[in-house]
C-alpha atoms as a PDB file:
ATOM      1  CA  MET A   1       0.000   0.000   0.000  1.00  0.00           C
ATOM      2  CA  ASN A   2       1.224   3.520  -0.748  1.00  0.00           C
ATOM      3  CA  ILE A   3       2.990   4.991   2.298  1.00  0.00           C
ATOM      4  CA  LEU A   4       1.094   8.282   1.971  1.00  0.00           C
ATOM      5  CA  LEU A   5      -2.217   6.432   2.065  1.00  0.00           C
ATOM      6  CA  ILE A   6      -1.098   4.527   5.168  1.00  0.00           C
ATOM      7  CA  LEU A   7      -0.072   7.750   6.910  1.00  0.00           C
ATOM      8  CA  ALA A   8      -3.360   9.407   5.925  1.00  0.00           C
ATOM      9  CA  PHE A   9      -5.302   6.563   7.542  1.00  0.00           C
ATOM     10  CA  LEU A  10      -3.087   6.643  10.637  1.00  0.00           C
ATOM     11  CA  PHE A  11      -3.403  10.409  11.058  1.00  0.00           C
ATOM     12  CA  PHE A  12      -7.181  10.093  10.925  1.00  0.00           C
ATOM     13  CA  ILE A  13      -7.299   7.205  13.404  1.00  0.00           C
ATOM     14  CA  GLY A  14      -4.772   8.773  15.783  1.00  0.00           C
ATOM     15  CA  SER A  15      -6.441  12.191  15.770  1.00  0.00           C
ATOM     16  CA  VAL A  16      -9.885  10.808  16.613  1.00  0.00           C
ATOM     17  CA  PHE A  17      -8.625   8.217  19.116  1.00  0.00           C
ATOM     18  CA  GLY A  18      -6.460  10.849  20.843  1.00  0.00           C
ATOM     19  CA  TRP A  19      -9.429  13.179  21.176  1.00  0.00           C
ATOM     20  CA  VAL A  20     -11.488  10.433  22.833  1.00  0.00           C
ATOM     21  CA  LEU A  21      -8.565   9.561  25.128  1.00  0.00           C
ATOM     22  CA  GLU A  22      -8.124  13.188  26.214  1.00  0.00           C
ATOM     23  CA  LEU A  23     -11.883  13.598  26.648  1.00  0.00           C
ATOM     24  CA  LEU A  24     -12.032  10.633  29.054  1.00  0.00           C
ATOM     25  CA  TYR A  25      -8.834  11.697  30.864  1.00  0.00           C
ATOM     26  CA  ARG A  26     -10.184  15.173  31.558  1.00  0.00           C
ATOM     27  CA  ARG A  27     -13.589  13.835  32.584  1.00  0.00           C
ATOM     28  CA  PHE A  28     -12.492  11.099  34.989  1.00  0.00           C
ATOM     29  CA  ILE A  29      -8.812  11.604  35.947  1.00  0.00           C
ATOM     30  CA  SER A  30      -7.538  15.172  35.550  1.00  0.00           C
ATOM     31  CA  LYS A  31      -7.127  17.047  38.849  1.00  0.00           C
ATOM     32  CA  ASN A  32      -7.836  20.274  36.959  1.00  0.00           C
ATOM     33  CA  ASN A  33     -11.469  19.233  36.571  1.00  0.00           C
ATOM     34  CA  PRO A  34     -12.724  18.588  40.133  1.00  0.00           C
ATOM     35  CA  GLU A  35     -16.323  19.133  39.023  1.00  0.00           C
ATOM     36  CA  ARG A  36     -15.956  16.216  36.555  1.00  0.00           C
ATOM     37  CA  LYS A  37     -17.470  18.046  33.624  1.00  0.00           C
ATOM     38  CA  TRP A  38     -17.202  16.987  30.002  1.00  0.00           C
ATOM     39  CA  ILE A  39     -14.544  19.247  28.463  1.00  0.00           C
ATOM     40  CA  ASN A  40     -13.752  19.481  24.775  1.00  0.00           C
ATOM     41  CA  PRO A  41      -9.965  18.931  24.724  1.00  0.00           C
ATOM     42  CA  GLY A  42      -9.495  20.042  21.156  1.00  0.00           C
ATOM     43  CA  PHE A  43      -7.668  22.969  19.624  1.00  0.00           C
ATOM     44  CA  CYS A  44      -9.960  22.462  16.624  1.00  0.00           C
ATOM     45  CA  VAL A  45     -13.754  22.511  16.671  1.00  0.00           C
ATOM     46  CA  GLY A  46     -14.212  18.893  15.615  1.00  0.00           C
ATOM     47  CA  PRO A  47     -13.490  15.690  17.596  1.00  0.00           C
ATOM     48  CA  TYR A  48      -9.855  15.215  16.686  1.00  0.00           C
ATOM     49  CA  LEU A  49      -6.401  16.169  17.984  1.00  0.00           C
ATOM     50  CA  PRO A  50      -3.746  16.570  15.256  1.00  0.00           C
ATOM     51  CA  LEU A  51      -0.971  16.065  17.835  1.00  0.00           C
ATOM     52  CA  TYR A  52      -2.056  12.459  18.358  1.00  0.00           C
ATOM     53  CA  GLY A  53      -2.513  11.890  14.634  1.00  0.00           C
ATOM     54  CA  SER A  54       1.017  13.109  13.957  1.00  0.00           C
ATOM     55  CA  GLY A  55       2.269  11.020  16.872  1.00  0.00           C
ATOM     56  CA  LEU A  56       0.708   7.823  15.552  1.00  0.00           C
ATOM     57  CA  CYS A  57       2.350   8.385  12.163  1.00  0.00           C
ATOM     58  CA  ILE A  58       5.713   8.852  13.900  1.00  0.00           C
ATOM     59  CA  LEU A  59       5.235   5.680  15.959  1.00  0.00           C
ATOM     60  CA  TYR A  60       4.413   3.716  12.814  1.00  0.00           C
ATOM     61  CA  LEU A  61       7.535   4.947  11.031  1.00  0.00           C
ATOM     62  CA  MET A  62       9.736   4.336  14.072  1.00  0.00           C
ATOM     63  CA  ALA A  63       8.420   0.791  14.587  1.00  0.00           C
ATOM     64  CA  GLY A  64       9.708   0.003  11.104  1.00  0.00           C
ATOM     65  CA  ILE A  65      13.326   0.579  12.193  1.00  0.00           C
ATOM     66  CA  ARG A  66      13.165  -2.106  14.893  1.00  0.00           C
ATOM     67  CA  GLU A  67      14.854  -4.670  12.643  1.00  0.00           C
ATOM     68  CA  HIS A  68      17.805  -2.314  12.123  1.00  0.00           C
ATOM     69  CA  ILE A  69      18.565  -2.043  15.849  1.00  0.00           C
ATOM     70  CA  ASP A  70      21.063  -4.679  16.931  1.00  0.00           C
ATOM     71  CA  LEU A  71      22.438  -4.477  20.459  1.00  0.00           C
ATOM     72  CA  GLY A  72      22.809  -8.229  20.814  1.00  0.00           C
ATOM     73  CA  SER A  73      19.576  -8.688  22.774  1.00  0.00           C
ATOM     74  CA  ASP A  74      15.927  -8.563  21.717  1.00  0.00           C
ATOM     75  CA  ILE A  75      14.996  -7.037  25.062  1.00  0.00           C
ATOM     76  CA  ALA A  76      17.616  -4.294  24.735  1.00  0.00           C
ATOM     77  CA  ASP A  77      16.665  -3.615  21.108  1.00  0.00           C
ATOM     78  CA  THR A  78      12.985  -3.261  21.979  1.00  0.00           C
ATOM     79  CA  ALA A  79      13.730  -1.142  25.064  1.00  0.00           C
ATOM     80  CA  VAL A  80      15.797   1.301  22.998  1.00  0.00           C
ATOM     81  CA  LEU A  81      13.010   1.554  20.431  1.00  0.00           C
ATOM     82  CA  LEU A  82      10.338   2.204  23.083  1.00  0.00           C
ATOM     83  CA  LEU A  83      12.493   4.844  24.772  1.00  0.00           C
ATOM     84  CA  ALA A  84      13.034   6.490  21.395  1.00  0.00           C
ATOM     85  CA  MET A  85       9.257   6.484  20.824  1.00  0.00           C
ATOM     86  CA  ALA A  86       8.644   8.187  24.166  1.00  0.00           C
ATOM     87  CA  LEU A  87      11.327  10.765  23.389  1.00  0.00           C
ATOM     88  CA  ALA A  88       9.927  11.411  19.904  1.00  0.00           C
ATOM     89  CA  MET A  89       6.408  11.992  21.268  1.00  0.00           C
ATOM     90  CA  THR A  90       7.787  14.325  23.934  1.00  0.00           C
ATOM     91  CA  VAL A  91       9.660  16.298  21.271  1.00  0.00           C
ATOM     92  CA  ILE A  92       6.497  16.599  19.163  1.00  0.00           C
ATOM     93  CA  GLU A  93       4.584  17.828  22.214  1.00  0.00           C
ATOM     94  CA  TYR A  94       7.332  20.342  23.001  1.00  0.00           C
ATOM     95  CA  ILE A  95       7.449  21.714  19.449  1.00  0.00           C
ATOM     96  CA  ALA A  96       3.660  22.170  19.322  1.00  0.00           C
ATOM     97  CA  GLY A  97       3.624  23.761  22.757  1.00  0.00           C
ATOM     98  CA  ILE A  98       6.566  26.110  22.198  1.00  0.00           C
ATOM     99  CA  VAL A  99       5.237  27.330  18.831  1.00  0.00           C
ATOM    100  CA  SER A 100       1.816  28.170  20.296  1.00  0.00           C
ATOM    101  CA  TYR A 101       3.419  29.787  23.368  1.00  0.00           C
ATOM    102  CA  LYS A 102       6.235  31.770  21.743  1.00  0.00           C
ATOM    103  CA  TYR A 103       4.488  32.780  18.533  1.00  0.00           C
ATOM    104  CA  TYR A 104       0.800  32.992  19.462  1.00  0.00           C
ATOM    105  CA  HIS A 105       1.230  33.697  23.214  1.00  0.00           C
ATOM    106  CA  VAL A 106      -1.268  30.916  23.913  1.00  0.00           C
ATOM    107  CA  ARG A 107      -0.734  27.938  26.188  1.00  0.00           C
ATOM    108  CA  LEU A 108      -2.690  25.041  24.707  1.00  0.00           C
ATOM    109  CA  TRP A 109      -1.835  23.083  27.886  1.00  0.00           C
ATOM    110  CA  ASP A 110       0.038  23.976  31.047  1.00  0.00           C
ATOM    111  CA  TYR A 111       2.206  21.601  33.094  1.00  0.00           C
ATOM    112  CA  SER A 112       3.600  24.364  35.313  1.00  0.00           C
ATOM    113  CA  ASN A 113       2.366  22.583  38.438  1.00  0.00           C
ATOM    114  CA  GLU A 114       3.910  19.245  37.449  1.00  0.00           C
ATOM    115  CA  TRP A 115       7.244  18.101  38.846  1.00  0.00           C
ATOM    116  CA  GLY A 116      10.248  18.485  36.563  1.00  0.00           C
ATOM    117  CA  ASN A 117       8.359  20.459  33.918  1.00  0.00           C
ATOM    118  CA  ILE A 118      10.202  22.426  31.247  1.00  0.00           C
ATOM    119  CA  GLN A 119       8.526  25.778  30.526  1.00  0.00           C
ATOM    120  CA  GLY A 120       5.224  24.202  31.516  1.00  0.00           C
ATOM    121  CA  ILE A 121       5.156  22.439  28.145  1.00  0.00           C
ATOM    122  CA  ILE A 122       6.581  18.987  28.866  1.00  0.00           C
ATOM    123  CA  CYS A 123       7.207  17.050  32.058  1.00  0.00           C
ATOM    124  CA  PRO A 124       8.358  13.563  33.154  1.00  0.00           C
ATOM    125  CA  LYS A 125       4.829  12.480  34.096  1.00  0.00           C
ATOM    126  CA  PHE A 126       3.430  12.957  30.628  1.00  0.00           C
ATOM    127  CA  SER A 127       6.596  11.670  28.965  1.00  0.00           C
ATOM    128  CA  LEU A 128       5.953   8.465  30.917  1.00  0.00           C
ATOM    129  CA  ILE A 129       2.375   8.430  29.633  1.00  0.00           C
ATOM    130  CA  TRP A 130       3.687   8.858  26.072  1.00  0.00           C
ATOM    131  CA  GLY A 131       6.017   5.936  26.731  1.00  0.00           C
ATOM    132  CA  LEU A 132       3.143   3.741  27.917  1.00  0.00           C
ATOM    133  CA  LEU A 133       1.138   4.678  24.842  1.00  0.00           C
ATOM    134  CA  GLY A 134       4.167   3.735  22.733  1.00  0.00           C
ATOM    135  CA  VAL A 135       4.295   0.331  24.432  1.00  0.00           C
ATOM    136  CA  ALA A 136       0.561  -0.193  23.845  1.00  0.00           C
ATOM    137  CA  TYR A 137       0.957   0.786  20.194  1.00  0.00           C
ATOM    138  CA  TYR A 138       3.979  -1.436  19.564  1.00  0.00           C
ATOM    139  CA  TYR A 139       2.515  -4.576  21.127  1.00  0.00           C
ATOM    140  CA  LEU A 140      -1.220  -4.200  20.550  1.00  0.00           C
ATOM    141  CA  VAL A 141      -1.647  -2.087  17.423  1.00  0.00           C
ATOM    142  CA  HIS A 142       1.382  -2.328  15.158  1.00  0.00           C
ATOM    143  CA  PRO A 143       1.310  -6.136  14.647  1.00  0.00           C
ATOM    144  CA  ASN A 144      -2.215  -5.856  13.231  1.00  0.00           C
ATOM    145  CA  ILE A 145      -2.135  -2.446  11.633  1.00  0.00           C
ATOM    146  CA  LEU A 146      -1.291  -3.454   8.072  1.00  0.00           C
ATOM    147  CA  ASP A 147      -4.201  -5.921   7.912  1.00  0.00           C
ATOM    148  CA  ALA A 148      -6.521  -3.220   9.214  1.00  0.00           C
ATOM    149  CA  LEU A 149      -5.224  -0.702   6.698  1.00  0.00           C
ATOM    150  CA  VAL A 150      -5.613  -3.139   3.811  1.00  0.00           C
ATOM    151  CA  TRP A 151      -9.219  -3.709   4.877  1.00  0.00           C
ATOM    152  CA  LEU A 152      -9.817   0.039   5.060  1.00  0.00           C
ATOM    153  CA  SER A 153      -8.291   0.586   1.617  1.00  0.00           C
ATOM    154  CA  HIS A 154     -10.736  -1.925   0.095  1.00  0.00           C
ATOM    155  CA  ASN A 155     -13.739  -0.539   1.940  1.00  0.00           C
ATOM    156  CA  LEU A 156     -15.039   2.279  -0.262  1.00  0.00           C
ATOM    157  CA  ALA A 157     -17.446   3.585   2.381  1.00  0.00           C
ATOM    158  CA  MET A 158     -14.627   4.011   4.880  1.00  0.00           C
ATOM    159  CA  SER A 159     -12.371   5.597   2.258  1.00  0.00           C
ATOM    160  CA  PHE A 160     -15.141   8.071   1.437  1.00  0.00           C
ATOM    161  CA  PHE A 161     -15.615   8.818   5.139  1.00  0.00           C
ATOM    162  CA  ILE A 162     -11.909   9.495   5.651  1.00  0.00           C
ATOM    163  CA  GLY A 163     -11.860  11.723   2.558  1.00  0.00           C
ATOM    164  CA  MET A 164     -14.758  13.674   4.043  1.00  0.00           C
ATOM    165  CA  PHE A 165     -12.834  13.891   7.313  1.00  0.00           C
ATOM    166  CA  TYR A 166      -9.908  15.578   5.586  1.00  0.00           C
ATOM    167  CA  GLY A 167     -12.186  18.043   3.821  1.00  0.00           C
ATOM    168  CA  ILE A 168     -13.800  19.050   7.117  1.00  0.00           C
ATOM    169  CA  PHE A 169     -10.449  19.002   8.896  1.00  0.00           C
ATOM    170  CA  VAL A 170      -8.872  21.508   6.489  1.00  0.00           C
ATOM    171  CA  ILE A 171     -11.817  23.913   6.894  1.00  0.00           C
ATOM    172  CA  ASP A 172     -11.682  23.451  10.664  1.00  0.00           C
ATOM    173  CA  LEU A 173      -7.923  24.050  10.728  1.00  0.00           C
ATOM    174  CA  VAL A 174      -8.324  27.344   8.868  1.00  0.00           C
ATOM    175  CA  TYR A 175     -11.067  28.438  11.272  1.00  0.00           C
ATOM    176  CA  SER A 176      -9.060  27.420  14.366  1.00  0.00           C
ATOM    177  CA  THR A 177      -5.905  29.133  13.080  1.00  0.00           C
ATOM    178  CA  ASN A 178      -7.874  32.343  12.568  1.00  0.00           C
ATOM    179  CA  LEU A 179      -9.160  32.017  16.136  1.00  0.00           C
ATOM    180  CA  ILE A 180      -5.636  31.568  17.502  1.00  0.00           C
ATOM    181  CA  THR A 181      -4.493  34.592  15.489  1.00  0.00           C
ATOM    182  CA  LYS A 182      -7.307  36.624  17.047  1.00  0.00           C
ATOM    183  CA  LEU A 183      -6.290  35.417  20.506  1.00  0.00           C
ATOM    184  CA  LYS A 184      -2.703  36.474  19.781  1.00  0.00           C
ATOM    185  CA  LYS A 185      -3.831  40.008  18.957  1.00  0.00           C
ATOM    186  CA  LEU A 186      -5.820  40.164  22.198  1.00  0.00           C
ATOM    187  CA  SER A 187      -2.893  38.685  24.103  1.00  0.00           C
ATOM    188  CA  ASP A 188      -0.613  41.413  22.758  1.00  0.00           C
ATOM    189  CA  GLU A 189      -3.209  44.087  23.495  1.00  0.00           C
ATOM    190  CA  TYR A 190      -3.765  43.020  27.118  1.00  0.00           C
ATOM    191  CA  GLU A 191      -0.158  41.844  27.611  1.00  0.00           C
ATOM    192  CA  ILE A 192      -1.005  38.414  29.006  1.00  0.00           C
ATOM    193  CA  VAL A 193      -0.322  34.826  28.062  1.00  0.00           C
ATOM    194  CA  ILE A 194      -3.646  33.153  27.346  1.00  0.00           C
ATOM    195  CA  ARG A 195      -4.141  29.730  28.870  1.00  0.00           C
ATOM    196  CA  PHE A 196      -6.446  27.855  26.532  1.00  0.00           C
ATOM    197  CA  GLU A 197      -8.132  25.745  29.210  1.00  0.00           C
ATOM    198  CA  GLU A 198      -8.486  28.659  31.614  1.00  0.00           C
ATOM    199  CA  LEU A 199     -10.200  30.746  28.948  1.00  0.00           C
ATOM    200  CA  LYS A 200     -12.574  27.908  28.038  1.00  0.00           C
ATOM    201  CA  ASP A 201     -13.408  27.435  31.719  1.00  0.00           C
ATOM    202  CA  ARG A 202     -14.062  31.161  32.094  1.00  0.00           C
ATOM    203  CA  ILE A 203     -16.471  31.147  29.150  1.00  0.00           C
ATOM    204  CA  ARG A 204     -18.224  28.010  30.427  1.00  0.00           C
ATOM    205  CA  THR A 205     -18.689  29.639  33.859  1.00  0.00           C
ATOM    206  CA  TYR A 206     -19.944  32.856  32.307  1.00  0.00           C
ATOM    207  CA  GLN A 207     -22.502  31.037  30.177  1.00  0.00           C
ATOM    208  CA  ALA A 208     -23.729  29.165  33.255  1.00  0.00           C
ATOM    209  CA  GLU A 209     -24.071  32.436  35.198  1.00  0.00           C
ATOM    210  CA  GLN A 210     -26.070  33.920  32.338  1.00  0.00           C
ATOM    211  CA  LYS A 211     -28.114  30.718  32.121  1.00  0.00           C
ATOM    212  CA  SER A 212     -27.151  30.502  28.470  1.00  0.00           C
ATOM    213  CA  LYS A 213     -26.197  27.475  26.424  1.00  0.00           C
ATOM    214  CA  TYR A 214     -22.555  26.411  26.457  1.00  0.00           C
ATOM    215  CA  HIS A 215     -21.385  25.103  23.096  1.00  0.00           C
ATOM    216  CA  PHE A 216     -19.279  21.983  23.658  1.00  0.00           C
ATOM    217  CA  PHE A 217     -17.764  21.926  20.167  1.00  0.00           C
ATOM    218  CA  GLN A 218     -17.397  25.715  20.053  1.00  0.00           C
ATOM    219  CA  PRO A 219     -16.096  26.499  23.541  1.00  0.00           C
ATOM    220  CA  PHE A 220     -15.157  30.092  22.635  1.00  0.00           C
ATOM    221  CA  ARG A 221     -18.649  30.959  21.474  1.00  0.00           C
ATOM    222  CA  SER A 222     -20.254  33.190  24.084  1.00  0.00           C
ATOM    223  CA  ASP A 223     -22.858  35.868  24.738  1.00  0.00           C
ATOM    224  CA  SER A 224     -19.936  38.148  25.569  1.00  0.00           C
ATOM    225  CA  THR A 225     -16.894  39.002  23.461  1.00  0.00           C
ATOM    226  CA  LEU A 226     -13.518  37.300  23.641  1.00  0.00           C
ATOM    227  CA  ALA A 227     -11.992  40.661  24.551  1.00  0.00           C
ATOM    228  CA  ASP A 228     -14.245  40.922  27.608  1.00  0.00           C
ATOM    229  CA  HIS A 229     -13.360  37.418  28.757  1.00  0.00           C
ATOM    230  CA  ILE A 230      -9.636  38.054  28.323  1.00  0.00           C
ATOM    231  CA  LYS A 231      -9.954  41.346  30.190  1.00  0.00           C
ATOM    232  CA  THR A 232     -11.515  39.393  33.070  1.00  0.00           C
ATOM    233  CA  LEU A 233      -8.631  36.903  32.986  1.00  0.00           C
ATOM    234  CA  GLN A 234      -6.152  39.782  32.999  1.00  0.00           C
ATOM    235  CA  GLN A 235      -7.775  41.251  36.119  1.00  0.00           C
ATOM    236  CA  ALA A 236      -7.735  37.855  37.814  1.00  0.00           C
ATOM    237  CA  GLN A 237      -4.032  37.418  37.040  1.00  0.00           C
ATOM    238  CA  HIS A 238      -3.251  40.878  38.427  1.00  0.00           C
ATOM    239  CA  GLU A 239      -5.138  40.035  41.629  1.00  0.00           C
ATOM    240  CA  LYS A 240      -3.168  36.801  42.034  1.00  0.00           C
ATOM    241  CA  ARG A 241       0.130  38.616  41.582  1.00  0.00           C
ATOM    242  CA  ALA A 242      -0.947  41.287  44.090  1.00  0.00           C
ATOM    243  CA  LYS A 243      -1.723  38.612  46.683  1.00  0.00           C
ATOM    244  CA  ARG A 244       1.668  36.971  46.199  1.00  0.00           C
ATOM    245  CA  LYS A 245       3.661  40.175  46.748  1.00  0.00           C
ATOM    246  CA  PRO A 246       2.590  40.760  50.400  1.00  0.00           C
ATOM    247  CA  ALA A 247       3.250  37.092  51.154  1.00  0.00           C
ATOM    248  CA  LYS A 248       6.810  37.408  49.807  1.00  0.00           C
ATOM    249  CA  ALA A 249       7.340  40.614  51.754  1.00  0.00           C
ATOM    250  CA  ASP A 250       6.211  38.915  54.980  1.00  0.00           C
ATOM    251  CA  ARG A 251       8.694  36.083  54.440  1.00  0.00           C
ATOM    252  CA  LYS A 252      11.549  38.585  54.059  1.00  0.00           C
ATOM    253  CA  LYS A 253      10.648  40.214  57.368  1.00  0.00           C
END
C-alpha cells in the first residue's frame, strides 16, 4: 500500500482516538477538573487532535526501524526503540507547545504545576504516559495495523468517510488558526499569556451564570466578546500577583 495512504489513515485514526482519550482523561482523571465536567480537549472545533494523529504516524515509522537495531539482545533492542518512541512523542509535544506559546502567546496546555516540567510544556509524568502509549501501540496495534489498513483501503465507504474527514479538517484548521491569530492580537493588546483551558473554563462559567447554552464543540462561542473574557482573565491574574507580593514581603521580614 502507498505509504502516503497509510499515513493518511493513521493520522485520521490517531487524531480521533487521541481526542477520545483526552476527553475521558479530563472527565475522569484530571485534577484540573474537580467538578468532573465533560470538556472538549481540542484545539480544533471537531473531535480530533492533530498532535495524536502526527504522533501515531511517527510511531508507525519508528516501529519500522526495529529490525535495524542490533544491540545483541531482543529485550535491549525493543527497550531502545520504546524509549526512542517516548522521546519522539515528547519532542512533538514540546514543538507544538513552544510554537503556540512563543508565537501565538497561547498555552494550549500547562504543566507548570507538574514536577520536573520544562517551561510548563513537557514534564516527566506525561513523557511516561507517552512511553506507555508507545508500548501499547507497539505490542497491541502495530502487529495488526497493516491488515486493518488493507481492509480500510478496500472498503469504499470508509475511504469516502476518511476523505470527508480531511475536507472538514482543512476547513476546521483554517477556522481554528484564525481564532488563535485573534487570541494572539488580544494577548498582545492586554499583555497576558492566554491559557487555553483557563479561557474555556471562564467562558463556560460565564454562560452558566447567564443561564445561556454552552457550546461543547465551540467552547469560545459566548454571549460576551472574547476581549471581555480576556480582560476578566487579565484582572484575575493581576489580583493573584498582588496577593503573592505581600506574602513574599512577609517572608523577608
